[in-house]
Amino acid sequence: MARNSASLTDGLFAKLEERIRSGAMPPGSRFPTQLEISAAENVSRTVVREAVARLSAQGLTTSRQGSGVFVAATAQYRAFQVTRDEMSELTDVIKLLEMRLALETEMAALAAARRTTADIGAIRDALAQMEAVIDDPEAAARADSGFHLAIARATQNHYYERLIEFLGLRLVPPRNLYLRDQSEEAHRAYAAKVQGEHEAILDAIVRMDSTRAREAARHHMQESLSRHSQLSETTSLRPKVEDSGTSD
């Protein structure tokens, strides 16, 4: 019974949220009363109360004392996010790689044009850290993310930095996803290949060659995208990939 109530609440919340997001209930409009929603949707007042409370918790509605509930002025604006749960599906890993392919090529080109001596030092440090922890997939993943964040900072564009910082470890697919059940030698060869791709990006940025930096970043991302696209044709992602080591 409790499970059925929770399902009804989820369904009603999704329906009301969609009406708000689509503009069917525009910002500033008066929200129907719980009684009206209950009658229209043929659900209990308890279900309505829980769904409406969730809308309020997410900032989609606001209460005005003595006037009722209204759709919030900012309700149609949804913050961008990529959740850990989304990255448990191979198809979503591939979609994120497709986004990075577009993002990181231009990011590398801008970094090459604008980098400072301090930026080069930060990028080199991240790359050296990846090499130092090559046998520790989790530590390598953190260094990998640090490498891309250092490039983002080198663009001198804080929006790149904020986006890459937000994505964090979600930037890199799990290494064990591609190398499932393979030998330690295979893991080291894979890590060395990724390291070489990173070094090519760094070299172009050091030389302030935007064209080469763009090409190197595109090659790096295309290689990762190709590997995981091929994998999707032969297998499906196992649960709990967050427990695996990561590297792009």
C-alpha atoms as a PDB file:
ATOM      1  CA  MET A   1       0.000   0.000   0.000  1.00  0.00           C
ATOM      2  CA  ALA A   2       2.834   2.375   0.934  1.00  0.00           C
ATOM      3  CA  ARG A   3       4.648   1.481  -2.294  1.00  0.00           C
ATOM      4  CA  ASN A   4       1.518   2.249  -4.326  1.00  0.00           C
ATOM      5  CA  SER A   5       1.160   5.622  -2.584  1.00  0.00           C
ATOM      6  CA  ALA A   6       4.797   6.456  -3.306  1.00  0.00           C
ATOM      7  CA  SER A   7       4.306   5.523  -6.967  1.00  0.00           C
ATOM      8  CA  LEU A   8       1.221   7.732  -7.193  1.00  0.00           C
ATOM      9  CA  THR A   9       3.126  10.590  -5.601  1.00  0.00           C
ATOM     10  CA  ASP A  10       6.011  10.171  -8.056  1.00  0.00           C
ATOM     11  CA  GLY A  11       3.601  10.129 -10.985  1.00  0.00           C
ATOM     12  CA  LEU A  12       1.708  13.211  -9.833  1.00  0.00           C
ATOM     13  CA  PHE A  13       4.911  15.099  -9.094  1.00  0.00           C
ATOM     14  CA  ALA A  14       6.246  14.322 -12.590  1.00  0.00           C
ATOM     15  CA  LYS A  15       2.982  15.454 -14.178  1.00  0.00           C
ATOM     16  CA  LEU A  16       2.821  18.729 -12.256  1.00  0.00           C
ATOM     17  CA  GLU A  17       6.516  19.404 -12.815  1.00  0.00           C
ATOM     18  CA  GLU A  18       6.085  18.932 -16.562  1.00  0.00           C
ATOM     19  CA  ARG A  19       3.191  21.390 -16.630  1.00  0.00           C
ATOM     20  CA  ILE A  20       5.373  23.966 -14.920  1.00  0.00           C
ATOM     21  CA  ARG A  21       8.463  23.297 -17.034  1.00  0.00           C
ATOM     22  CA  SER A  22       6.467  23.393 -20.281  1.00  0.00           C
ATOM     23  CA  GLY A  23       4.825  26.695 -19.417  1.00  0.00           C
ATOM     24  CA  ALA A  24       1.319  25.256 -19.186  1.00  0.00           C
ATOM     25  CA  MET A  25       1.361  26.707 -15.662  1.00  0.00           C
ATOM     26  CA  PRO A  26       3.533  29.812 -16.196  1.00  0.00           C
ATOM     27  CA  PRO A  27       5.617  31.569 -13.540  1.00  0.00           C
ATOM     28  CA  GLY A  28       3.474  33.700 -11.245  1.00  0.00           C
ATOM     29  CA  SER A  29       0.268  31.792 -11.944  1.00  0.00           C
ATOM     30  CA  ARG A  30      -1.850  30.604  -9.029  1.00  0.00           C
ATOM     31  CA  PHE A  31      -1.417  26.907  -8.320  1.00  0.00           C
ATOM     32  CA  PRO A  32      -4.570  24.765  -8.020  1.00  0.00           C
ATOM     33  CA  THR A  33      -5.613  23.908  -4.479  1.00  0.00           C
ATOM     34  CA  GLN A  34      -4.877  20.460  -3.135  1.00  0.00           C
ATOM     35  CA  LEU A  35      -8.582  19.698  -3.220  1.00  0.00           C
ATOM     36  CA  GLU A  36      -8.810  20.691  -6.891  1.00  0.00           C
ATOM     37  CA  ILE A  37      -5.792  18.580  -7.805  1.00  0.00           C
ATOM     38  CA  SER A  38      -7.120  15.622  -5.827  1.00  0.00           C
ATOM     39  CA  ALA A  39     -10.444  15.730  -7.682  1.00  0.00           C
ATOM     40  CA  ALA A  40      -8.896  16.302 -11.128  1.00  0.00           C
ATOM     41  CA  GLU A  41      -6.263  13.567 -10.778  1.00  0.00           C
ATOM     42  CA  ASN A  42      -8.389  11.117  -8.782  1.00  0.00           C
ATOM     43  CA  VAL A  43      -5.793  10.679  -6.044  1.00  0.00           C
ATOM     44  CA  SER A  44      -5.897  11.140  -2.279  1.00  0.00           C
ATOM     45  CA  ARG A  45      -5.140  14.384  -0.507  1.00  0.00           C
ATOM     46  CA  THR A  46      -2.094  12.689   1.020  1.00  0.00           C
ATOM     47  CA  VAL A  47      -0.632  11.979  -2.421  1.00  0.00           C
ATOM     48  CA  VAL A  48      -1.308  15.567  -3.502  1.00  0.00           C
ATOM     49  CA  ARG A  49       0.198  17.002  -0.331  1.00  0.00           C
ATOM     50  CA  GLU A  50       3.423  15.015  -0.759  1.00  0.00           C
ATOM     51  CA  ALA A  51       3.749  15.881  -4.458  1.00  0.00           C
ATOM     52  CA  VAL A  52       3.142  19.583  -3.820  1.00  0.00           C
ATOM     53  CA  ALA A  53       5.632  19.561  -0.934  1.00  0.00           C
ATOM     54  CA  ARG A  54       8.233  18.150  -3.296  1.00  0.00           C
ATOM     55  CA  LEU A  55       7.526  20.886  -5.840  1.00  0.00           C
ATOM     56  CA  SER A  56       8.044  23.466  -3.109  1.00  0.00           C
ATOM     57  CA  ALA A  57      11.275  21.805  -1.934  1.00  0.00           C
ATOM     58  CA  GLN A  58      12.671  22.058  -5.455  1.00  0.00           C
ATOM     59  CA  GLY A  59      11.786  25.731  -5.703  1.00  0.00           C
ATOM     60  CA  LEU A  60       9.061  25.257  -8.305  1.00  0.00           C
ATOM     61  CA  THR A  61       6.292  26.793  -6.200  1.00  0.00           C
ATOM     62  CA  THR A  62       6.102  29.452  -3.531  1.00  0.00           C
ATOM     63  CA  SER A  63       3.487  30.214  -0.882  1.00  0.00           C
ATOM     64  CA  ARG A  64       1.959  33.634  -0.258  1.00  0.00           C
ATOM     65  CA  GLN A  65       0.263  33.974   3.091  1.00  0.00           C
ATOM     66  CA  GLY A  66      -3.454  34.433   2.654  1.00  0.00           C
ATOM     67  CA  SER A  67      -3.260  34.075  -1.130  1.00  0.00           C
ATOM     68  CA  GLY A  68      -2.295  30.456  -1.746  1.00  0.00           C
ATOM     69  CA  VAL A  69       0.453  28.719  -3.725  1.00  0.00           C
ATOM     70  CA  PHE A  70       1.940  30.162  -6.906  1.00  0.00           C
ATOM     71  CA  VAL A  71       4.357  28.926  -9.559  1.00  0.00           C
ATOM     72  CA  ALA A  72       7.781  30.387  -8.725  1.00  0.00           C
ATOM     73  CA  ALA A  73       9.212  33.076 -10.982  1.00  0.00           C
ATOM     74  CA  THR A  74      12.311  30.970 -11.652  1.00  0.00           C
ATOM     75  CA  ALA A  75      10.478  27.654 -12.034  1.00  0.00           C
ATOM     76  CA  GLN A  76      11.316  27.153 -15.712  1.00  0.00           C
ATOM     77  CA  TYR A  77      15.056  27.416 -15.092  1.00  0.00           C
ATOM     78  CA  ARG A  78      16.641  24.055 -14.358  1.00  0.00           C
ATOM     79  CA  ALA A  79      20.243  23.803 -13.163  1.00  0.00           C
ATOM     80  CA  PHE A  80      22.442  21.619 -15.342  1.00  0.00           C
ATOM     81  CA  GLN A  81      23.622  18.465 -13.638  1.00  0.00           C
ATOM     82  CA  VAL A  82      25.090  15.062 -14.381  1.00  0.00           C
ATOM     83  CA  THR A  83      24.347  12.588 -11.616  1.00  0.00           C
ATOM     84  CA  ARG A  84      26.304   9.512 -10.521  1.00  0.00           C
ATOM     85  CA  ASP A  85      23.266   7.365 -11.319  1.00  0.00           C
ATOM     86  CA  GLU A  86      23.227   8.595 -14.916  1.00  0.00           C
ATOM     87  CA  MET A  87      26.820   7.508 -15.347  1.00  0.00           C
ATOM     88  CA  SER A  88      25.871   3.915 -14.466  1.00  0.00           C
ATOM     89  CA  GLU A  89      24.596   3.455 -18.026  1.00  0.00           C
ATOM     90  CA  LEU A  90      27.016   3.011 -20.916  1.00  0.00           C
ATOM     91  CA  THR A  91      24.775   4.999 -23.257  1.00  0.00           C
ATOM     92  CA  ASP A  92      25.045   8.016 -20.943  1.00  0.00           C
ATOM     93  CA  VAL A  93      28.820   7.624 -20.645  1.00  0.00           C
ATOM     94  CA  ILE A  94      28.968   7.838 -24.437  1.00  0.00           C
ATOM     95  CA  LYS A  95      26.715  10.908 -24.498  1.00  0.00           C
ATOM     96  CA  LEU A  96      28.979  12.644 -22.005  1.00  0.00           C
ATOM     97  CA  LEU A  97      31.995  11.787 -24.159  1.00  0.00           C
ATOM     98  CA  GLU A  98      30.214  13.288 -27.171  1.00  0.00           C
ATOM     99  CA  MET A  99      29.695  16.492 -25.201  1.00  0.00           C
ATOM    100  CA  ARG A 100      33.328  16.530 -24.131  1.00  0.00           C
ATOM    101  CA  LEU A 101      34.437  16.062 -27.741  1.00  0.00           C
ATOM    102  CA  ALA A 102      32.868  19.406 -28.621  1.00  0.00           C
ATOM    103  CA  LEU A 103      33.840  21.127 -25.376  1.00  0.00           C
ATOM    104  CA  GLU A 104      37.443  20.109 -24.906  1.00  0.00           C
ATOM    105  CA  THR A 105      38.645  20.709 -28.451  1.00  0.00           C
ATOM    106  CA  GLU A 106      37.888  24.421 -28.216  1.00  0.00           C
ATOM    107  CA  MET A 107      38.976  24.547 -24.586  1.00  0.00           C
ATOM    108  CA  ALA A 108      42.422  23.241 -25.542  1.00  0.00           C
ATOM    109  CA  ALA A 109      42.669  25.730 -28.410  1.00  0.00           C
ATOM    110  CA  LEU A 110      41.871  28.646 -26.114  1.00  0.00           C
ATOM    111  CA  ALA A 111      44.311  27.355 -23.500  1.00  0.00           C
ATOM    112  CA  ALA A 112      47.070  27.278 -26.120  1.00  0.00           C
ATOM    113  CA  ALA A 113      46.360  30.886 -27.063  1.00  0.00           C
ATOM    114  CA  ARG A 114      46.055  32.256 -23.534  1.00  0.00           C
ATOM    115  CA  ARG A 115      48.080  30.052 -21.172  1.00  0.00           C
ATOM    116  CA  THR A 116      50.577  31.500 -18.733  1.00  0.00           C
ATOM    117  CA  THR A 117      53.794  30.000 -17.408  1.00  0.00           C
ATOM    118  CA  ALA A 118      51.936  29.119 -14.194  1.00  0.00           C
ATOM    119  CA  ASP A 119      49.251  27.337 -16.226  1.00  0.00           C
ATOM    120  CA  ILE A 120      51.864  25.200 -17.948  1.00  0.00           C
ATOM    121  CA  GLY A 121      53.294  24.249 -14.565  1.00  0.00           C
ATOM    122  CA  ALA A 122      49.868  23.199 -13.281  1.00  0.00           C
ATOM    123  CA  ILE A 123      49.131  21.088 -16.361  1.00  0.00           C
ATOM    124  CA  ARG A 124      52.556  19.425 -16.146  1.00  0.00           C
ATOM    125  CA  ASP A 125      52.078  18.704 -12.454  1.00  0.00           C
ATOM    126  CA  ALA A 126      48.756  16.960 -13.126  1.00  0.00           C
ATOM    127  CA  LEU A 127      50.310  14.899 -15.904  1.00  0.00           C
ATOM    128  CA  ALA A 128      53.256  13.941 -13.690  1.00  0.00           C
ATOM    129  CA  GLN A 129      50.831  12.922 -10.962  1.00  0.00           C
ATOM    130  CA  MET A 130      48.993  10.641 -13.394  1.00  0.00           C
ATOM    131  CA  GLU A 131      52.282   8.961 -14.230  1.00  0.00           C
ATOM    132  CA  ALA A 132      53.202   8.595 -10.566  1.00  0.00           C
ATOM    133  CA  VAL A 133      49.948   6.831  -9.660  1.00  0.00           C
ATOM    134  CA  ILE A 134      49.504   4.842 -12.856  1.00  0.00           C
ATOM    135  CA  ASP A 135      48.875   1.629 -10.871  1.00  0.00           C
ATOM    136  CA  ASP A 136      46.201   3.227  -8.700  1.00  0.00           C
ATOM    137  CA  PRO A 137      43.143   3.753 -10.935  1.00  0.00           C
ATOM    138  CA  GLU A 138      41.273   5.953  -8.453  1.00  0.00           C
ATOM    139  CA  ALA A 139      44.232   8.248  -7.843  1.00  0.00           C
ATOM    140  CA  ALA A 140      44.927   8.344 -11.585  1.00  0.00           C
ATOM    141  CA  ALA A 141      41.338   9.409 -12.173  1.00  0.00           C
ATOM    142  CA  ARG A 142      41.711  12.324  -9.793  1.00  0.00           C
ATOM    143  CA  ALA A 143      44.925  13.391 -11.525  1.00  0.00           C
ATOM    144  CA  ASP A 144      43.224  12.979 -14.908  1.00  0.00           C
ATOM    145  CA  SER A 145      40.410  15.302 -13.836  1.00  0.00           C
ATOM    146  CA  GLY A 146      43.032  17.702 -12.488  1.00  0.00           C
ATOM    147  CA  PHE A 147      44.758  17.721 -15.877  1.00  0.00           C
ATOM    148  CA  HIS A 148      41.576  18.800 -17.676  1.00  0.00           C
ATOM    149  CA  LEU A 149      40.759  21.327 -14.956  1.00  0.00           C
ATOM    150  CA  ALA A 150      44.218  22.894 -15.339  1.00  0.00           C
ATOM    151  CA  ILE A 151      43.585  23.252 -19.075  1.00  0.00           C
ATOM    152  CA  ALA A 152      40.206  24.839 -18.341  1.00  0.00           C
ATOM    153  CA  ARG A 153      41.900  27.377 -16.072  1.00  0.00           C
ATOM    154  CA  ALA A 154      44.450  28.118 -18.785  1.00  0.00           C
ATOM    155  CA  THR A 155      41.649  29.411 -21.032  1.00  0.00           C
ATOM    156  CA  GLN A 156      41.286  32.356 -18.610  1.00  0.00           C
ATOM    157  CA  ASN A 157      37.538  31.797 -18.992  1.00  0.00           C
ATOM    158  CA  HIS A 158      35.995  30.996 -15.613  1.00  0.00           C
ATOM    159  CA  TYR A 159      32.944  29.365 -17.201  1.00  0.00           C
ATOM    160  CA  TYR A 160      35.124  26.591 -18.598  1.00  0.00           C
ATOM    161  CA  GLU A 161      36.735  26.201 -15.197  1.00  0.00           C
ATOM    162  CA  ARG A 162      33.387  26.046 -13.392  1.00  0.00           C
ATOM    163  CA  LEU A 163      31.946  23.477 -15.792  1.00  0.00           C
ATOM    164  CA  ILE A 164      34.981  21.179 -15.668  1.00  0.00           C
ATOM    165  CA  GLU A 165      35.181  21.555 -11.892  1.00  0.00           C
ATOM    166  CA  PHE A 166      31.506  20.639 -11.609  1.00  0.00           C
ATOM    167  CA  LEU A 167      31.869  17.518 -13.746  1.00  0.00           C
ATOM    168  CA  GLY A 168      34.889  16.377 -11.740  1.00  0.00           C
ATOM    169  CA  LEU A 169      35.411  12.618 -11.819  1.00  0.00           C
ATOM    170  CA  ARG A 170      32.379  12.256 -14.084  1.00  0.00           C
ATOM    171  CA  LEU A 171      34.660  13.532 -16.836  1.00  0.00           C
ATOM    172  CA  VAL A 172      36.297  10.139 -17.171  1.00  0.00           C
ATOM    173  CA  PRO A 173      34.623   6.784 -17.874  1.00  0.00           C
ATOM    174  CA  PRO A 174      35.665   3.836 -15.684  1.00  0.00           C
ATOM    175  CA  ARG A 175      38.883   2.219 -16.875  1.00  0.00           C
ATOM    176  CA  ASN A 176      37.573  -1.187 -15.824  1.00  0.00           C
ATOM    177  CA  LEU A 177      34.577  -0.666 -18.059  1.00  0.00           C
ATOM    178  CA  TYR A 178      36.725  -0.898 -21.174  1.00  0.00           C
ATOM    179  CA  LEU A 179      39.345  -3.296 -19.776  1.00  0.00           C
ATOM    180  CA  ARG A 180      36.973  -5.638 -17.965  1.00  0.00           C
ATOM    181  CA  ASP A 181      38.681  -8.891 -16.944  1.00  0.00           C
ATOM    182  CA  GLN A 182      41.883  -7.990 -18.811  1.00  0.00           C
ATOM    183  CA  SER A 183      45.438  -8.337 -17.521  1.00  0.00           C
ATOM    184  CA  GLU A 184      47.472  -5.847 -15.547  1.00  0.00           C
ATOM    185  CA  GLU A 185      49.659  -5.410 -18.625  1.00  0.00           C
ATOM    186  CA  ALA A 186      46.611  -4.375 -20.639  1.00  0.00           C
ATOM    187  CA  HIS A 187      45.714  -1.793 -17.991  1.00  0.00           C
ATOM    188  CA  ARG A 188      49.225  -0.343 -18.053  1.00  0.00           C
ATOM    189  CA  ALA A 189      49.288  -0.205 -21.852  1.00  0.00           C
ATOM    190  CA  TYR A 190      45.933   1.563 -21.844  1.00  0.00           C
ATOM    191  CA  ALA A 191      47.112   4.076 -19.251  1.00  0.00           C
ATOM    192  CA  ALA A 192      50.293   4.714 -21.241  1.00  0.00           C
ATOM    193  CA  LYS A 193      48.252   5.376 -24.388  1.00  0.00           C
ATOM    194  CA  VAL A 194      46.061   7.884 -22.560  1.00  0.00           C
ATOM    195  CA  GLN A 195      49.186   9.488 -21.106  1.00  0.00           C
ATOM    196  CA  GLY A 196      50.628   9.890 -24.598  1.00  0.00           C
ATOM    197  CA  GLU A 197      47.437  11.569 -25.803  1.00  0.00           C
ATOM    198  CA  HIS A 198      47.604  13.965 -22.862  1.00  0.00           C
ATOM    199  CA  GLU A 199      51.261  14.752 -23.570  1.00  0.00           C
ATOM    200  CA  ALA A 200      50.375  15.706 -27.154  1.00  0.00           C
ATOM    201  CA  ILE A 201      47.785  18.180 -25.857  1.00  0.00           C
ATOM    202  CA  LEU A 202      50.263  19.650 -23.388  1.00  0.00           C
ATOM    203  CA  ASP A 203      52.986  19.993 -26.026  1.00  0.00           C
ATOM    204  CA  ALA A 204      50.664  21.973 -28.304  1.00  0.00           C
ATOM    205  CA  ILE A 205      49.584  24.227 -25.430  1.00  0.00           C
ATOM    206  CA  VAL A 206      53.215  24.844 -24.439  1.00  0.00           C
ATOM    207  CA  ARG A 207      53.982  25.862 -28.037  1.00  0.00           C
ATOM    208  CA  MET A 208      50.880  28.091 -28.095  1.00  0.00           C
ATOM    209  CA  ASP A 209      49.731  26.230 -31.198  1.00  0.00           C
ATOM    210  CA  SER A 210      45.932  26.433 -31.041  1.00  0.00           C
ATOM    211  CA  THR A 211      45.410  24.371 -34.180  1.00  0.00           C
ATOM    212  CA  ARG A 212      47.533  21.479 -32.907  1.00  0.00           C
ATOM    213  CA  ALA A 213      45.993  21.715 -29.440  1.00  0.00           C
ATOM    214  CA  ARG A 214      42.517  21.465 -30.922  1.00  0.00           C
ATOM    215  CA  GLU A 215      43.537  18.481 -33.068  1.00  0.00           C
ATOM    216  CA  ALA A 216      45.259  16.708 -30.172  1.00  0.00           C
ATOM    217  CA  ALA A 217      42.258  17.166 -27.885  1.00  0.00           C
ATOM    218  CA  ARG A 218      39.904  15.984 -30.615  1.00  0.00           C
ATOM    219  CA  HIS A 219      42.041  12.889 -31.221  1.00  0.00           C
ATOM    220  CA  HIS A 220      42.122  12.130 -27.492  1.00  0.00           C
ATOM    221  CA  MET A 221      38.369  12.429 -27.098  1.00  0.00           C
ATOM    222  CA  GLN A 222      37.584  10.622 -30.346  1.00  0.00           C
ATOM    223  CA  GLU A 223      39.735   7.679 -29.268  1.00  0.00           C
ATOM    224  CA  SER A 224      37.843   7.387 -25.982  1.00  0.00           C
ATOM    225  CA  LEU A 225      34.497   7.776 -27.721  1.00  0.00           C
ATOM    226  CA  SER A 226      35.382   5.108 -30.284  1.00  0.00           C
ATOM    227  CA  ARG A 227      36.517   2.653 -27.609  1.00  0.00           C
ATOM    228  CA  HIS A 228      33.321   2.978 -25.615  1.00  0.00           C
ATOM    229  CA  SER A 229      31.066   3.017 -28.675  1.00  0.00           C
ATOM    230  CA  GLN A 230      32.599  -0.302 -29.749  1.00  0.00           C
ATOM    231  CA  LEU A 231      32.101  -1.647 -26.246  1.00  0.00           C
ATOM    232  CA  SER A 232      28.404  -0.746 -26.344  1.00  0.00           C
ATOM    233  CA  GLU A 233      27.950  -3.021 -29.351  1.00  0.00           C
ATOM    234  CA  THR A 234      29.242  -6.083 -27.515  1.00  0.00           C
ATOM    235  CA  THR A 235      28.313  -5.743 -23.864  1.00  0.00           C
ATOM    236  CA  SER A 236      26.329  -3.811 -21.290  1.00  0.00           C
ATOM    237  CA  LEU A 237      27.666  -1.922 -18.308  1.00  0.00           C
ATOM    238  CA  ARG A 238      27.711  -3.773 -15.009  1.00  0.00           C
ATOM    239  CA  PRO A 239      26.151  -2.139 -11.947  1.00  0.00           C
ATOM    240  CA  LYS A 240      28.137   0.031  -9.549  1.00  0.00           C
ATOM    241  CA  VAL A 241      30.719   1.315 -12.000  1.00  0.00           C
ATOM    242  CA  GLU A 242      31.544   3.978  -9.432  1.00  0.00           C
ATOM    243  CA  ASP A 243      33.522   1.335  -7.575  1.00  0.00           C
ATOM    244  CA  SER A 244      35.878   0.891 -10.541  1.00  0.00           C
ATOM    245  CA  GLY A 245      38.960   2.906 -11.316  1.00  0.00           C
ATOM    246  CA  THR A 246      38.616   5.610 -13.952  1.00  0.00           C
ATOM    247  CA  SER A 247      40.629   6.961 -16.827  1.00  0.00           C
ATOM    248  CA  ASP A 248      39.584   8.419 -20.128  1.00  0.00           C
END
